[in-house]
Protein backbone atom coordinates (compact mmCIF):
# COMPACT_ATOMS: atom_id res chain seq x y z
CA MET A 1 63.64 89.95 142.70
CA SER A 2 62.15 88.40 145.82
CA ASP A 3 59.47 89.99 147.93
CA VAL A 4 61.39 91.38 150.93
CA SER A 5 59.61 93.08 153.81
CA VAL A 6 60.79 96.25 155.52
CA THR A 7 61.23 94.23 158.71
CA GLN A 8 63.54 91.76 156.95
CA VAL A 9 65.61 94.62 155.59
CA ARG A 10 65.83 96.19 159.06
CA ILE A 11 66.93 92.90 160.61
CA ALA A 12 69.55 92.34 157.91
CA THR A 13 70.78 95.93 158.28
CA SER A 14 71.05 95.55 162.04
CA SER A 15 72.98 92.31 161.66
CA ILE A 16 75.45 93.83 159.23
CA LEU A 17 75.86 96.90 161.43
CA PHE A 18 76.45 94.72 164.49
CA LEU A 19 79.14 92.72 162.72
CA SER A 20 80.88 95.87 161.51
CA PHE A 21 80.94 97.35 165.01
CA GLN A 22 82.02 94.15 166.75
CA ASP A 23 85.69 94.48 165.80
CA GLY A 24 85.76 98.14 166.78
CA PHE A 25 84.13 97.36 170.10
CA SER A 26 86.66 94.57 170.71
CA ILE A 27 89.53 96.94 169.96
CA ALA A 28 88.13 99.60 172.30
CA LEU A 29 87.64 97.06 175.11
CA LYS A 30 91.15 95.70 174.65
CA LYS A 31 92.64 99.20 174.76
CA LEU A 32 90.65 99.92 177.92
CA ALA A 33 91.75 96.60 179.41
CA GLN A 34 95.38 97.56 178.76
CA HIS A 35 94.76 100.73 180.77
CA TYR A 36 93.62 98.50 183.66
CA ASN A 37 96.63 96.14 183.33
CA ASN A 38 94.52 93.54 181.51
CA GLU A 39 92.58 92.83 184.69
CA PRO A 40 88.79 92.55 184.77
CA GLY A 41 87.10 94.71 187.34
CA PRO A 42 84.41 97.31 187.93
CA TRP A 43 85.26 99.03 184.64
CA LEU A 44 84.26 95.91 182.68
CA ASP A 45 81.25 95.21 184.93
CA GLU A 46 79.93 98.72 184.21
CA ILE A 47 80.33 98.38 180.45
CA GLU A 48 78.69 94.95 180.45
CA ALA A 49 75.77 96.21 182.56
CA GLU A 50 75.27 99.17 180.20
CA VAL A 51 75.25 96.91 177.14
CA PHE A 52 72.70 94.59 178.75
CA ASN A 53 70.52 97.54 179.81
CA ASP A 54 70.70 98.97 176.30
CA ILE A 55 69.64 95.65 174.79
CA LYS A 56 66.75 95.33 177.24
CA SER A 57 65.53 98.85 176.48
CA ILE A 58 65.25 98.26 172.73
CA VAL A 59 61.68 98.11 171.50
CA PRO A 60 61.65 96.76 167.95
CA GLU A 61 58.76 98.03 165.87
CA GLY A 62 56.84 95.95 163.39
CA LEU A 63 57.74 92.58 164.89
CA ASP A 64 55.44 89.96 166.29
CA ILE A 65 55.92 89.76 170.08
CA THR A 66 57.22 86.20 169.79
CA VAL A 67 59.87 87.28 167.28
CA GLU A 68 60.73 90.33 169.41
CA VAL A 69 61.23 88.23 172.56
CA SER A 70 63.31 85.68 170.65
CA ALA A 71 65.48 88.40 169.12
CA LEU A 72 66.07 90.09 172.47
CA LYS A 73 66.94 86.75 174.11
CA ALA A 74 69.37 86.00 171.29
CA ALA A 75 70.96 89.45 171.61
CA LEU A 76 71.39 88.99 175.36
CA ALA A 77 72.88 85.53 174.83
CA THR A 78 75.30 86.88 172.21
CA ALA A 79 76.40 89.71 174.49
CA SER A 80 76.83 87.23 177.34
CA VAL A 81 79.09 85.02 175.20
CA PHE A 82 81.07 88.05 174.00
CA PHE A 83 81.74 89.33 177.52
CA GLY A 84 82.35 85.82 178.83
CA GLU A 85 85.01 85.21 176.19
CA PHE A 86 86.56 88.61 176.87
CA ARG A 87 86.71 87.93 180.62
CA GLU A 88 88.16 84.47 179.94
CA ALA A 89 90.85 85.98 177.72
CA LEU A 90 91.70 88.52 180.42
CA ALA A 91 91.86 85.87 183.12
CA SER A 92 94.13 83.62 181.06
CA LYS A 93 96.29 86.59 180.04
CA ALA A 94 95.75 85.48 176.46
CA ILE A 95 94.30 88.83 175.50
CA ALA A 96 97.72 90.49 175.36
CA ALA A 97 98.84 87.99 172.72
CA ARG A 98 95.78 88.29 170.46
CA PRO A 99 95.39 90.78 167.63
CA LEU A 100 93.41 93.86 168.60
CA SER A 101 90.47 93.02 166.37
CA ARG A 102 89.99 89.57 167.88
CA ILE A 103 89.19 88.84 171.49
């Protein structure tokens, strides 16, 4: 068995948890978008802002500052891509044709 640190386990756990919640979050956003006639607007802006604020407020423990900054930048970039793709799907009206679990 390899020598795995607690930090590595936490990172792996967070990654797995994120992936498991991603589909559920997509489904919830799509349902909410349907409520707003599949149009982006203040409702989506508010959710996006909250997600970004939540990411920025996370203070990982046990990580080197360089790793922490890199991880937070990557999380912000991932969220940005996610919301960008969701907005793009809304704008193109493609979201109504996609399965709920996929943006």
